[in-house]
N, C-alpha and C. Protein backbone atom coordinates (compact mmCIF):
# COMPACT_ATOMS: atom_id res chain seq x y z
N MET A 1 199.71 99.71 42.29
CA MET A 1 199.04 100.84 42.90
C MET A 1 197.88 101.24 41.99
N THR A 2 196.77 101.54 42.59
CA THR A 2 195.58 101.90 41.82
C THR A 2 195.70 103.33 41.27
N ARG A 3 194.91 103.59 40.25
CA ARG A 3 194.90 104.92 39.66
C ARG A 3 194.53 105.98 40.71
N GLY A 4 193.55 105.65 41.57
CA GLY A 4 193.15 106.59 42.62
C GLY A 4 194.27 106.87 43.60
N ALA A 5 195.01 105.83 43.97
CA ALA A 5 196.13 106.01 44.90
C ALA A 5 197.23 106.86 44.27
N ILE A 6 197.46 106.65 42.98
CA ILE A 6 198.47 107.46 42.29
C ILE A 6 198.05 108.92 42.25
N ARG A 7 196.77 109.15 41.92
CA ARG A 7 196.28 110.54 41.89
C ARG A 7 196.39 111.19 43.27
N GLU A 8 196.09 110.42 44.31
CA GLU A 8 196.21 110.96 45.67
C GLU A 8 197.66 111.36 45.94
N ARG A 9 198.60 110.48 45.60
CA ARG A 9 200.02 110.76 45.83
C ARG A 9 200.47 112.00 45.06
N LEU A 10 199.94 112.17 43.84
CA LEU A 10 200.31 113.35 43.05
C LEU A 10 199.84 114.64 43.70
N GLY A 11 198.84 114.55 44.56
CA GLY A 11 198.33 115.72 45.26
C GLY A 11 199.08 116.07 46.53
N TRP A 12 200.05 115.25 46.92
CA TRP A 12 200.81 115.55 48.14
C TRP A 12 201.59 116.85 47.94
N PRO A 13 201.58 117.73 48.95
CA PRO A 13 202.24 119.02 48.79
C PRO A 13 203.76 118.88 48.70
N ALA A 14 204.34 119.73 47.88
CA ALA A 14 205.80 119.72 47.68
C ALA A 14 206.41 120.90 48.44
N ASP A 15 206.42 120.81 49.77
CA ASP A 15 206.95 121.91 50.57
C ASP A 15 208.43 121.65 50.91
N PRO A 16 209.19 122.70 51.20
CA PRO A 16 210.62 122.55 51.46
C PRO A 16 210.95 121.64 52.65
N GLN A 17 210.13 121.67 53.70
CA GLN A 17 210.40 120.83 54.87
C GLN A 17 210.31 119.34 54.52
N THR A 18 209.28 118.96 53.78
CA THR A 18 209.13 117.56 53.38
C THR A 18 210.29 117.15 52.48
N HIS A 19 210.66 118.01 51.55
CA HIS A 19 211.78 117.72 50.66
C HIS A 19 213.05 117.46 51.48
N ARG A 20 213.32 118.30 52.47
CA ARG A 20 214.51 118.12 53.32
C ARG A 20 214.46 116.81 54.08
N ARG A 21 213.29 116.46 54.63
CA ARG A 21 213.16 115.20 55.39
C ARG A 21 213.42 114.00 54.48
N ILE A 22 212.85 114.02 53.29
CA ILE A 22 213.03 112.90 52.36
C ILE A 22 214.50 112.83 51.92
N ARG A 23 215.08 113.98 51.59
CA ARG A 23 216.49 114.00 51.16
C ARG A 23 217.40 113.48 52.26
N ARG A 24 217.18 113.92 53.50
CA ARG A 24 218.01 113.45 54.62
C ARG A 24 217.87 111.95 54.83
N LEU A 25 216.66 111.44 54.73
CA LEU A 25 216.46 110.00 54.90
C LEU A 25 217.17 109.23 53.79
N TRP A 26 217.07 109.72 52.55
CA TRP A 26 217.77 109.06 51.44
C TRP A 26 219.28 109.09 51.68
N GLN A 27 219.80 110.21 52.18
CA GLN A 27 221.23 110.30 52.48
C GLN A 27 221.63 109.27 53.54
N ARG A 28 220.82 109.17 54.60
CA ARG A 28 221.10 108.16 55.64
C ARG A 28 221.09 106.76 55.05
N HIS A 29 220.11 106.49 54.19
CA HIS A 29 220.00 105.19 53.54
C HIS A 29 221.25 104.91 52.70
N SER A 30 221.67 105.88 51.91
CA SER A 30 222.83 105.71 51.03
C SER A 30 224.12 105.51 51.82
N ILE A 31 224.29 106.26 52.89
CA ILE A 31 225.48 106.10 53.73
C ILE A 31 225.49 104.71 54.36
N ALA A 32 224.34 104.27 54.86
CA ALA A 32 224.25 102.93 55.46
C ALA A 32 224.58 101.86 54.42
N GLU A 33 224.10 102.05 53.19
CA GLU A 33 224.38 101.06 52.14
C GLU A 33 225.87 101.04 51.82
N ASP A 34 226.50 102.20 51.72
CA ASP A 34 227.95 102.25 51.46
C ASP A 34 228.74 101.55 52.56
N ARG A 35 228.24 101.64 53.79
CA ARG A 35 228.92 101.01 54.94
C ARG A 35 228.50 99.56 55.14
N ARG A 36 227.57 99.09 54.33
CA ARG A 36 227.01 97.74 54.45
C ARG A 36 226.40 97.53 55.85
N ASP A 37 225.75 98.59 56.31
CA ASP A 37 225.13 98.63 57.63
C ASP A 37 223.65 98.28 57.49
N ILE A 38 223.34 97.00 57.64
CA ILE A 38 221.96 96.55 57.42
C ILE A 38 221.02 97.15 58.45
N ASP A 39 221.43 97.26 59.71
CA ASP A 39 220.57 97.89 60.72
C ASP A 39 220.27 99.34 60.34
N GLY A 40 221.28 100.06 59.86
CA GLY A 40 221.07 101.44 59.43
C GLY A 40 220.13 101.54 58.24
N LEU A 41 220.23 100.60 57.32
CA LEU A 41 219.32 100.57 56.17
C LEU A 41 217.89 100.33 56.62
N VAL A 42 217.70 99.33 57.46
CA VAL A 42 216.35 98.98 57.93
C VAL A 42 215.73 100.15 58.70
N ALA A 43 216.55 100.93 59.38
CA ALA A 43 216.03 102.08 60.14
C ALA A 43 215.40 103.14 59.23
N THR A 44 215.68 103.10 57.94
CA THR A 44 215.10 104.07 57.00
C THR A 44 213.81 103.56 56.36
N LEU A 45 213.38 102.36 56.75
CA LEU A 45 212.26 101.69 56.08
C LEU A 45 211.04 101.55 56.98
N ALA A 46 209.86 101.69 56.39
CA ALA A 46 208.61 101.42 57.10
C ALA A 46 208.55 99.92 57.41
N PRO A 47 207.89 99.54 58.51
CA PRO A 47 207.83 98.12 58.89
C PRO A 47 207.25 97.21 57.81
N ASP A 48 206.33 97.72 57.00
CA ASP A 48 205.71 96.89 55.96
C ASP A 48 206.35 97.11 54.59
N CYS A 49 207.63 97.46 54.58
CA CYS A 49 208.33 97.74 53.33
C CYS A 49 208.35 96.53 52.40
N VAL A 50 208.52 96.82 51.12
CA VAL A 50 208.61 95.77 50.10
C VAL A 50 209.78 96.11 49.18
N TYR A 51 210.63 95.14 49.00
CA TYR A 51 211.71 95.24 48.00
C TYR A 51 211.30 94.38 46.82
N GLU A 52 211.43 94.95 45.62
CA GLU A 52 210.99 94.24 44.42
C GLU A 52 211.97 94.51 43.29
N ILE A 53 212.36 93.45 42.60
CA ILE A 53 213.10 93.61 41.35
C ILE A 53 212.06 93.46 40.24
N VAL A 54 211.71 94.58 39.64
CA VAL A 54 210.61 94.66 38.69
C VAL A 54 210.86 93.72 37.50
N GLY A 55 209.81 93.01 37.12
CA GLY A 55 209.87 92.13 35.97
C GLY A 55 210.40 90.74 36.24
N THR A 56 210.73 90.46 37.51
CA THR A 56 211.29 89.15 37.85
C THR A 56 210.38 88.32 38.73
N GLY A 57 209.42 88.98 39.38
CA GLY A 57 208.59 88.28 40.36
C GLY A 57 209.28 88.16 41.72
N LEU A 58 210.51 88.66 41.83
CA LEU A 58 211.24 88.58 43.10
C LEU A 58 210.85 89.74 43.99
N ARG A 59 210.52 89.41 45.24
CA ARG A 59 210.19 90.45 46.22
C ARG A 59 210.50 89.95 47.62
N TRP A 60 210.78 90.90 48.49
CA TRP A 60 211.10 90.63 49.88
C TRP A 60 210.22 91.56 50.70
N ASP A 61 209.53 91.01 51.70
CA ASP A 61 208.54 91.77 52.47
C ASP A 61 209.01 92.06 53.89
N GLY A 62 208.71 93.28 54.36
CA GLY A 62 208.96 93.66 55.73
C GLY A 62 210.44 93.83 56.04
N HIS A 63 210.71 94.17 57.29
CA HIS A 63 212.10 94.38 57.70
C HIS A 63 212.92 93.11 57.54
N ALA A 64 212.33 91.95 57.84
CA ALA A 64 213.06 90.68 57.66
C ALA A 64 213.39 90.48 56.19
N GLY A 65 212.48 90.81 55.32
CA GLY A 65 212.73 90.69 53.89
C GLY A 65 213.82 91.64 53.42
N ALA A 66 213.81 92.88 53.93
CA ALA A 66 214.85 93.85 53.56
C ALA A 66 216.21 93.34 54.02
N ARG A 67 216.27 92.78 55.22
CA ARG A 67 217.54 92.21 55.71
C ARG A 67 218.01 91.08 54.79
N ALA A 68 217.09 90.22 54.38
CA ALA A 68 217.45 89.11 53.49
C ALA A 68 217.94 89.65 52.14
N PHE A 69 217.26 90.66 51.62
CA PHE A 69 217.67 91.26 50.35
C PHE A 69 219.10 91.79 50.44
N TYR A 70 219.37 92.59 51.47
CA TYR A 70 220.71 93.19 51.59
C TYR A 70 221.78 92.16 51.91
N THR A 71 221.44 91.15 52.67
CA THR A 71 222.40 90.07 52.93
C THR A 71 222.80 89.41 51.62
N GLU A 72 221.82 89.12 50.77
CA GLU A 72 222.10 88.50 49.47
C GLU A 72 222.88 89.46 48.57
N LEU A 73 222.48 90.72 48.53
CA LEU A 73 223.16 91.71 47.68
C LEU A 73 224.63 91.85 48.07
N PHE A 74 224.89 92.01 49.36
CA PHE A 74 226.27 92.23 49.81
C PHE A 74 227.13 90.98 49.63
N ALA A 75 226.53 89.80 49.73
CA ALA A 75 227.29 88.56 49.48
C ALA A 75 227.55 88.38 47.98
N ALA A 76 226.58 88.74 47.16
CA ALA A 76 226.73 88.58 45.71
C ALA A 76 227.74 89.57 45.13
N PHE A 77 227.78 90.77 45.69
CA PHE A 77 228.65 91.84 45.19
C PHE A 77 229.44 92.43 46.36
N PRO A 78 230.39 91.68 46.91
CA PRO A 78 231.06 92.12 48.14
C PRO A 78 231.89 93.40 47.98
N ASP A 79 232.30 93.72 46.78
CA ASP A 79 233.09 94.93 46.54
C ASP A 79 232.28 95.98 45.79
N ASN A 80 230.98 96.01 46.03
CA ASN A 80 230.10 96.89 45.25
C ASN A 80 230.40 98.37 45.49
N HIS A 81 230.19 99.11 44.42
CA HIS A 81 230.28 100.57 44.49
C HIS A 81 229.13 101.13 43.65
N PHE A 82 228.32 101.98 44.27
CA PHE A 82 227.22 102.63 43.57
C PHE A 82 227.63 104.05 43.22
N ALA A 83 227.50 104.41 41.95
CA ALA A 83 227.77 105.77 41.50
C ALA A 83 226.46 106.39 41.05
N LEU A 84 226.03 107.40 41.76
CA LEU A 84 224.79 108.10 41.43
C LEU A 84 224.96 108.84 40.11
N THR A 85 224.02 108.62 39.18
CA THR A 85 224.08 109.32 37.89
C THR A 85 222.93 110.30 37.70
N ASP A 86 221.85 110.15 38.47
CA ASP A 86 220.73 111.08 38.40
C ASP A 86 219.83 110.84 39.60
N ILE A 87 219.10 111.87 39.99
CA ILE A 87 218.19 111.73 41.14
C ILE A 87 217.07 112.76 41.04
N VAL A 88 215.89 112.34 41.46
CA VAL A 88 214.73 113.23 41.59
C VAL A 88 214.15 112.98 42.97
N ILE A 89 213.92 114.06 43.72
CA ILE A 89 213.32 113.95 45.05
C ILE A 89 212.06 114.79 45.04
N GLY A 90 210.96 114.18 45.47
CA GLY A 90 209.69 114.89 45.56
C GLY A 90 208.89 114.34 46.72
N PRO A 91 207.69 114.84 46.92
CA PRO A 91 206.89 114.41 48.07
C PRO A 91 206.48 112.95 48.01
N GLN A 92 206.59 112.32 46.85
CA GLN A 92 206.24 110.90 46.72
C GLN A 92 207.43 110.00 47.02
N GLY A 93 208.64 110.56 47.09
CA GLY A 93 209.82 109.76 47.38
C GLY A 93 211.00 110.16 46.53
N VAL A 94 211.87 109.19 46.28
CA VAL A 94 213.11 109.42 45.54
C VAL A 94 213.16 108.45 44.36
N PHE A 95 213.61 108.96 43.23
CA PHE A 95 213.89 108.11 42.08
C PHE A 95 215.32 108.40 41.68
N GLU A 96 216.16 107.35 41.67
CA GLU A 96 217.56 107.55 41.36
C GLU A 96 218.00 106.62 40.23
N ALA A 97 218.99 107.07 39.50
CA ALA A 97 219.68 106.24 38.53
C ALA A 97 221.10 106.07 39.05
N VAL A 98 221.57 104.83 39.08
CA VAL A 98 222.91 104.55 39.59
C VAL A 98 223.60 103.53 38.69
N ALA A 99 224.92 103.58 38.73
CA ALA A 99 225.73 102.54 38.09
C ALA A 99 226.35 101.73 39.23
N LEU A 100 226.10 100.44 39.21
CA LEU A 100 226.68 99.53 40.19
C LEU A 100 227.87 98.84 39.53
N GLU A 101 229.03 99.00 40.13
CA GLU A 101 230.22 98.28 39.67
C GLU A 101 230.65 97.35 40.78
N ALA A 102 230.87 96.07 40.41
CA ALA A 102 231.21 95.07 41.42
C ALA A 102 231.63 93.78 40.75
N THR A 103 232.21 92.91 41.56
CA THR A 103 232.47 91.55 41.12
C THR A 103 231.27 90.70 41.48
N HIS A 104 230.73 89.97 40.50
CA HIS A 104 229.57 89.11 40.73
C HIS A 104 230.06 87.80 41.36
N ALA A 105 230.17 87.79 42.70
CA ALA A 105 230.81 86.69 43.43
C ALA A 105 229.83 85.68 44.02
N GLY A 106 228.55 85.99 44.05
CA GLY A 106 227.57 85.08 44.64
C GLY A 106 226.25 85.16 43.91
N PRO A 107 225.33 84.23 44.20
CA PRO A 107 224.03 84.26 43.52
C PRO A 107 223.25 85.52 43.86
N PHE A 108 222.53 86.02 42.86
CA PHE A 108 221.69 87.19 43.07
C PHE A 108 220.56 87.17 42.06
N ALA A 109 219.36 87.46 42.54
CA ALA A 109 218.17 87.58 41.69
C ALA A 109 217.98 86.33 40.83
N GLY A 110 218.30 85.18 41.41
CA GLY A 110 218.10 83.92 40.70
C GLY A 110 219.19 83.59 39.70
N LEU A 111 220.25 84.38 39.66
CA LEU A 111 221.35 84.14 38.72
C LEU A 111 222.60 83.69 39.47
N GLU A 112 223.26 82.71 38.92
CA GLU A 112 224.49 82.20 39.52
C GLU A 112 225.64 83.18 39.29
N PRO A 113 226.62 83.19 40.19
CA PRO A 113 227.73 84.12 40.05
C PRO A 113 228.59 83.80 38.82
N THR A 114 229.12 84.85 38.24
CA THR A 114 230.00 84.69 37.08
C THR A 114 231.46 84.86 37.45
N GLY A 115 231.72 85.49 38.60
CA GLY A 115 233.09 85.80 38.99
C GLY A 115 233.67 86.98 38.22
N ARG A 116 232.88 87.55 37.32
CA ARG A 116 233.35 88.67 36.50
C ARG A 116 233.01 90.01 37.15
N ARG A 117 233.78 90.99 36.77
CA ARG A 117 233.48 92.37 37.14
C ARG A 117 232.31 92.82 36.25
N VAL A 118 231.30 93.44 36.86
CA VAL A 118 230.13 93.88 36.11
C VAL A 118 229.86 95.36 36.37
N ARG A 119 229.17 95.96 35.43
CA ARG A 119 228.65 97.31 35.60
C ARG A 119 227.18 97.24 35.22
N LEU A 120 226.33 97.51 36.18
CA LEU A 120 224.89 97.46 35.97
C LEU A 120 224.31 98.86 36.09
N GLU A 121 223.48 99.22 35.15
CA GLU A 121 222.74 100.48 35.22
C GLU A 121 221.41 100.16 35.90
N LEU A 122 221.11 100.84 36.98
CA LEU A 122 219.90 100.59 37.76
C LEU A 122 219.07 101.87 37.86
N ALA A 123 217.77 101.70 37.91
CA ALA A 123 216.86 102.78 38.28
C ALA A 123 216.10 102.27 39.50
N ILE A 124 216.05 103.08 40.55
CA ILE A 124 215.47 102.62 41.81
C ILE A 124 214.50 103.68 42.33
N LEU A 125 213.30 103.23 42.63
CA LEU A 125 212.27 104.08 43.22
C LEU A 125 212.19 103.77 44.71
N PHE A 126 212.27 104.82 45.53
CA PHE A 126 212.10 104.72 46.98
C PHE A 126 210.79 105.43 47.33
N PRO A 127 209.66 104.75 47.37
CA PRO A 127 208.40 105.42 47.72
C PRO A 127 208.42 105.91 49.18
N TRP A 128 207.90 107.09 49.41
CA TRP A 128 207.88 107.73 50.73
C TRP A 128 206.54 107.47 51.40
N ASP A 129 206.59 107.17 52.69
CA ASP A 129 205.37 107.03 53.49
C ASP A 129 205.33 108.20 54.47
N PRO A 130 204.44 109.18 54.24
CA PRO A 130 204.40 110.33 55.13
C PRO A 130 203.97 109.99 56.55
N GLY A 131 203.26 108.88 56.72
CA GLY A 131 202.82 108.48 58.06
C GLY A 131 203.97 108.05 58.96
N THR A 132 204.88 107.26 58.41
CA THR A 132 206.03 106.79 59.19
C THR A 132 207.28 107.62 58.95
N GLU A 133 207.23 108.47 57.91
CA GLU A 133 208.39 109.23 57.45
C GLU A 133 209.57 108.31 57.17
N ARG A 134 209.24 107.21 56.50
CA ARG A 134 210.24 106.21 56.08
C ARG A 134 209.91 105.82 54.64
N PHE A 135 210.85 105.12 54.02
CA PHE A 135 210.59 104.58 52.68
C PHE A 135 209.82 103.28 52.80
N THR A 136 208.95 103.03 51.84
CA THR A 136 208.16 101.80 51.86
C THR A 136 208.85 100.68 51.08
N GLY A 137 210.14 100.83 50.87
CA GLY A 137 210.92 99.81 50.19
C GLY A 137 211.62 100.38 48.98
N GLU A 138 211.90 99.49 48.03
CA GLU A 138 212.53 99.88 46.78
C GLU A 138 211.92 99.08 45.64
N ARG A 139 211.70 99.75 44.52
CA ARG A 139 211.35 99.09 43.25
C ARG A 139 212.57 99.26 42.37
N ILE A 140 213.22 98.15 42.05
CA ILE A 140 214.50 98.16 41.37
C ILE A 140 214.30 97.70 39.92
N PHE A 141 214.78 98.51 39.00
CA PHE A 141 214.71 98.20 37.58
C PHE A 141 216.14 97.94 37.11
N LEU A 142 216.39 96.73 36.57
CA LEU A 142 217.72 96.40 36.08
C LEU A 142 217.62 95.42 34.93
N ASP A 143 218.67 95.38 34.15
CA ASP A 143 218.76 94.44 33.04
C ASP A 143 219.52 93.22 33.53
N ARG A 144 218.79 92.16 33.88
CA ARG A 144 219.44 90.95 34.42
C ARG A 144 220.37 90.32 33.40
N ALA A 145 220.14 90.55 32.12
CA ALA A 145 221.02 89.97 31.09
C ALA A 145 222.44 90.49 31.24
N ALA A 146 222.60 91.68 31.81
CA ALA A 146 223.94 92.24 32.02
C ALA A 146 224.74 91.41 33.02
N LEU A 147 224.06 90.60 33.84
CA LEU A 147 224.75 89.72 34.79
C LEU A 147 225.16 88.40 34.16
N GLY A 148 224.49 88.02 33.09
CA GLY A 148 224.71 86.71 32.49
C GLY A 148 225.81 86.72 31.51
């Protein structure tokens, strides 16, 4: 994102109605993820969404890409549980810190499964698109070495 685009986003008003809309959408997204409801997840995303694991070069584009990402995630960690440890909601979107606990049962992010129980600390940015009132994807920060 360019410096100008970031400055523009910082100027977005932080009114209570927008905060409620973003919070509700994040809640819908989280509930769908807990239920492994890919259609419900995609319904919270803008059509041109991008999923990215920062620092890996891995990305998935559009609704088809989001479906592929979640299909891989749920297969790799079939018993996953996300525990929210921190969250910030503002007019630019949501930034959350979560602990993912799961068995690494399938390939994920270019890493082969270990069959071990893992705990990953993640930071995830959900950028907000005020035009569609959906998230434009996720930027996921994780330590891949914790999987190895």
